[in-house]
Amino acid sequence: MTVSRFININIPKLISKIFWIGFGILFLGFIYLSNDLDDQYKIKRDFEVQIFESGITIFGIQTTDREKFQNEN
């Protein structure tokens, strides 16, 4: 028992060809990206990191008193 016995679906050949060509290009693109891209890990940063003391709190855990924050450091 097949579905085609009950429902007859007619897809035009042009739409079918466009779909398969698009799918093929997309599939080949994913294969290219998976083979071409290499994971690169840097042990040292090639830029400087500037850390500034602003007294900003995260989730309200730290104190918001600016003078107290500066005097502790």
N, C-alpha and C. Protein backbone atom coordinates (compact mmCIF):
# COMPACT_ATOMS: atom_id res chain seq x y z
N MET A 1 0.84 -1.17 0.00
CA MET A 1 0.00 0.00 0.00
C MET A 1 0.89 1.24 0.00
N THR A 2 0.79 2.04 -1.02
CA THR A 2 1.63 3.22 -1.13
C THR A 2 0.77 4.48 -1.09
N VAL A 3 1.43 5.57 -0.82
CA VAL A 3 0.73 6.86 -0.76
C VAL A 3 0.27 7.27 -2.15
N SER A 4 1.06 6.92 -3.17
CA SER A 4 0.71 7.33 -4.53
C SER A 4 -0.60 6.70 -5.02
N ARG A 5 -1.07 5.65 -4.33
CA ARG A 5 -2.37 5.08 -4.70
C ARG A 5 -3.51 6.01 -4.34
N PHE A 6 -3.33 6.77 -3.23
CA PHE A 6 -4.40 7.63 -2.76
C PHE A 6 -4.24 9.07 -3.23
N ILE A 7 -3.01 9.56 -3.19
CA ILE A 7 -2.76 10.97 -3.55
C ILE A 7 -1.73 11.00 -4.67
N ASN A 8 -2.07 11.67 -5.73
CA ASN A 8 -1.15 11.80 -6.86
C ASN A 8 -0.58 13.23 -6.83
N ILE A 9 0.73 13.34 -6.56
CA ILE A 9 1.37 14.65 -6.48
C ILE A 9 2.20 14.85 -7.74
N ASN A 10 1.90 15.90 -8.46
CA ASN A 10 2.65 16.22 -9.68
C ASN A 10 3.49 17.47 -9.43
N ILE A 11 4.81 17.29 -9.44
CA ILE A 11 5.73 18.41 -9.28
C ILE A 11 6.35 18.67 -10.65
N PRO A 12 6.27 19.90 -11.13
CA PRO A 12 6.87 20.19 -12.44
C PRO A 12 8.37 19.91 -12.43
N LYS A 13 8.88 19.47 -13.59
CA LYS A 13 10.29 19.10 -13.68
C LYS A 13 11.20 20.30 -13.45
N LEU A 14 10.81 21.49 -13.88
CA LEU A 14 11.63 22.68 -13.69
C LEU A 14 11.82 22.98 -12.21
N ILE A 15 10.75 22.91 -11.43
CA ILE A 15 10.84 23.16 -9.98
C ILE A 15 11.69 22.09 -9.31
N SER A 16 11.54 20.86 -9.75
CA SER A 16 12.33 19.77 -9.19
C SER A 16 13.82 19.95 -9.48
N LYS A 17 14.15 20.33 -10.71
CA LYS A 17 15.55 20.55 -11.07
C LYS A 17 16.14 21.73 -10.28
N ILE A 18 15.40 22.81 -10.15
CA ILE A 18 15.88 23.97 -9.39
C ILE A 18 16.13 23.57 -7.94
N PHE A 19 15.22 22.80 -7.36
CA PHE A 19 15.39 22.35 -5.98
C PHE A 19 16.64 21.52 -5.82
N TRP A 20 16.85 20.52 -6.68
CA TRP A 20 18.00 19.63 -6.53
C TRP A 20 19.32 20.34 -6.82
N ILE A 21 19.32 21.27 -7.75
CA ILE A 21 20.54 22.06 -8.01
C ILE A 21 20.86 22.93 -6.80
N GLY A 22 19.84 23.58 -6.25
CA GLY A 22 20.05 24.41 -5.04
C GLY A 22 20.51 23.58 -3.86
N PHE A 23 19.90 22.42 -3.68
CA PHE A 23 20.31 21.53 -2.58
C PHE A 23 21.75 21.05 -2.77
N GLY A 24 22.12 20.73 -3.99
CA GLY A 24 23.48 20.28 -4.28
C GLY A 24 24.51 21.37 -4.00
N ILE A 25 24.21 22.59 -4.41
CA ILE A 25 25.12 23.71 -4.14
C ILE A 25 25.25 23.94 -2.64
N LEU A 26 24.14 23.91 -1.93
CA LEU A 26 24.17 24.10 -0.48
C LEU A 26 24.96 22.98 0.20
N PHE A 27 24.75 21.75 -0.22
CA PHE A 27 25.45 20.61 0.36
C PHE A 27 26.95 20.71 0.09
N LEU A 28 27.33 21.04 -1.13
CA LEU A 28 28.75 21.20 -1.45
C LEU A 28 29.37 22.36 -0.69
N GLY A 29 28.60 23.41 -0.47
CA GLY A 29 29.09 24.54 0.33
C GLY A 29 29.39 24.12 1.76
N PHE A 30 28.51 23.31 2.35
CA PHE A 30 28.75 22.83 3.71
C PHE A 30 29.96 21.91 3.77
N ILE A 31 30.13 21.08 2.75
CA ILE A 31 31.31 20.21 2.71
C ILE A 31 32.58 21.05 2.61
N TYR A 32 32.56 22.07 1.77
CA TYR A 32 33.73 22.95 1.62
C TYR A 32 34.06 23.64 2.93
N LEU A 33 33.04 24.19 3.60
CA LEU A 33 33.29 24.89 4.86
C LEU A 33 33.80 23.95 5.94
N SER A 34 33.29 22.74 5.98
CA SER A 34 33.73 21.81 7.02
C SER A 34 35.17 21.35 6.79
N ASN A 35 35.62 21.32 5.56
CA ASN A 35 36.99 20.92 5.28
C ASN A 35 37.97 22.09 5.26
N ASP A 36 37.48 23.28 4.93
CA ASP A 36 38.36 24.42 4.74
C ASP A 36 38.70 25.13 6.05
N LEU A 37 37.74 25.23 6.95
CA LEU A 37 37.95 25.99 8.17
C LEU A 37 38.69 25.15 9.20
N ASP A 38 39.77 25.68 9.71
CA ASP A 38 40.53 25.00 10.75
C ASP A 38 40.35 25.76 12.05
N ASP A 39 40.35 25.03 13.15
CA ASP A 39 40.28 25.68 14.45
C ASP A 39 41.65 26.26 14.77
N GLN A 40 41.66 27.53 15.16
CA GLN A 40 42.91 28.19 15.50
C GLN A 40 42.82 28.65 16.94
N TYR A 41 43.79 28.26 17.73
CA TYR A 41 43.84 28.63 19.13
C TYR A 41 45.06 29.51 19.35
N LYS A 42 44.85 30.67 19.93
CA LYS A 42 45.96 31.57 20.22
C LYS A 42 46.30 31.45 21.69
N ILE A 43 47.58 31.24 21.96
CA ILE A 43 48.01 31.12 23.35
C ILE A 43 48.20 32.51 23.96
N LYS A 44 48.71 33.46 23.17
CA LYS A 44 48.91 34.82 23.65
C LYS A 44 48.00 35.77 22.88
N ARG A 45 47.49 36.78 23.57
CA ARG A 45 46.67 37.80 22.91
C ARG A 45 47.57 38.71 22.08
N ASP A 46 47.09 39.14 20.94
CA ASP A 46 47.84 40.08 20.13
C ASP A 46 47.30 41.51 20.32
N PHE A 47 46.62 41.74 21.44
CA PHE A 47 46.12 43.07 21.76
C PHE A 47 46.18 43.25 23.27
N GLU A 48 46.17 44.49 23.70
CA GLU A 48 46.23 44.81 25.11
C GLU A 48 44.81 44.83 25.70
N VAL A 49 44.71 44.40 26.93
CA VAL A 49 43.44 44.43 27.64
C VAL A 49 43.52 45.51 28.70
N GLN A 50 42.57 46.44 28.65
CA GLN A 50 42.54 47.51 29.62
C GLN A 50 41.44 47.22 30.64
N ILE A 51 41.85 47.09 31.89
CA ILE A 51 40.90 46.83 32.97
C ILE A 51 40.74 48.12 33.75
N PHE A 52 39.53 48.61 33.83
CA PHE A 52 39.30 49.83 34.58
C PHE A 52 38.34 49.54 35.72
N GLU A 53 38.52 50.26 36.79
CA GLU A 53 37.71 50.07 37.99
C GLU A 53 36.58 51.08 37.96
N SER A 54 35.39 50.60 37.76
CA SER A 54 34.26 51.51 37.63
C SER A 54 33.31 51.43 38.82
N GLY A 55 33.39 50.39 39.61
CA GLY A 55 32.47 50.24 40.72
C GLY A 55 31.12 49.71 40.30
N ILE A 56 31.00 49.19 39.09
CA ILE A 56 29.73 48.64 38.60
C ILE A 56 29.47 47.32 39.31
N THR A 57 28.24 47.09 39.70
CA THR A 57 27.90 45.86 40.40
C THR A 57 27.30 44.85 39.43
N ILE A 58 27.49 43.60 39.77
CA ILE A 58 26.89 42.50 39.01
C ILE A 58 25.88 41.83 39.92
N PHE A 59 24.63 41.84 39.53
CA PHE A 59 23.51 41.26 40.28
C PHE A 59 23.33 41.91 41.66
N GLY A 60 23.86 43.11 41.86
CA GLY A 60 23.67 43.83 43.12
C GLY A 60 24.39 43.22 44.30
N ILE A 61 25.37 42.35 44.06
CA ILE A 61 26.09 41.69 45.16
C ILE A 61 27.12 42.64 45.76
N GLN A 62 27.84 43.38 44.91
CA GLN A 62 28.88 44.27 45.38
C GLN A 62 28.27 45.58 45.88
N THR A 63 29.09 46.31 46.62
CA THR A 63 28.64 47.60 47.12
C THR A 63 28.66 48.63 46.00
N THR A 64 27.76 49.60 46.07
CA THR A 64 27.71 50.65 45.06
C THR A 64 28.38 51.92 45.55
N ASP A 65 28.98 51.90 46.73
CA ASP A 65 29.65 53.07 47.27
C ASP A 65 31.00 53.26 46.57
N ARG A 66 31.11 54.30 45.74
CA ARG A 66 32.31 54.53 44.93
C ARG A 66 33.54 54.82 45.79
N GLU A 67 33.42 55.66 46.82
CA GLU A 67 34.58 56.00 47.65
C GLU A 67 35.10 54.77 48.40
N LYS A 68 34.19 53.95 48.90
CA LYS A 68 34.60 52.73 49.59
C LYS A 68 35.32 51.78 48.65
N PHE A 69 34.85 51.69 47.42
CA PHE A 69 35.46 50.83 46.43
C PHE A 69 36.88 51.31 46.10
N GLN A 70 37.07 52.60 45.94
CA GLN A 70 38.40 53.12 45.61
C GLN A 70 39.36 53.02 46.78
N ASN A 71 38.87 53.18 48.01
CA ASN A 71 39.74 53.13 49.18
C ASN A 71 40.21 51.70 49.50
N GLU A 72 39.42 50.70 49.14
CA GLU A 72 39.81 49.32 49.42
C GLU A 72 40.96 48.87 48.54
N ASN A 73 41.06 49.44 47.35
CA ASN A 73 42.11 49.01 46.41
C ASN A 73 43.28 49.86 46.59
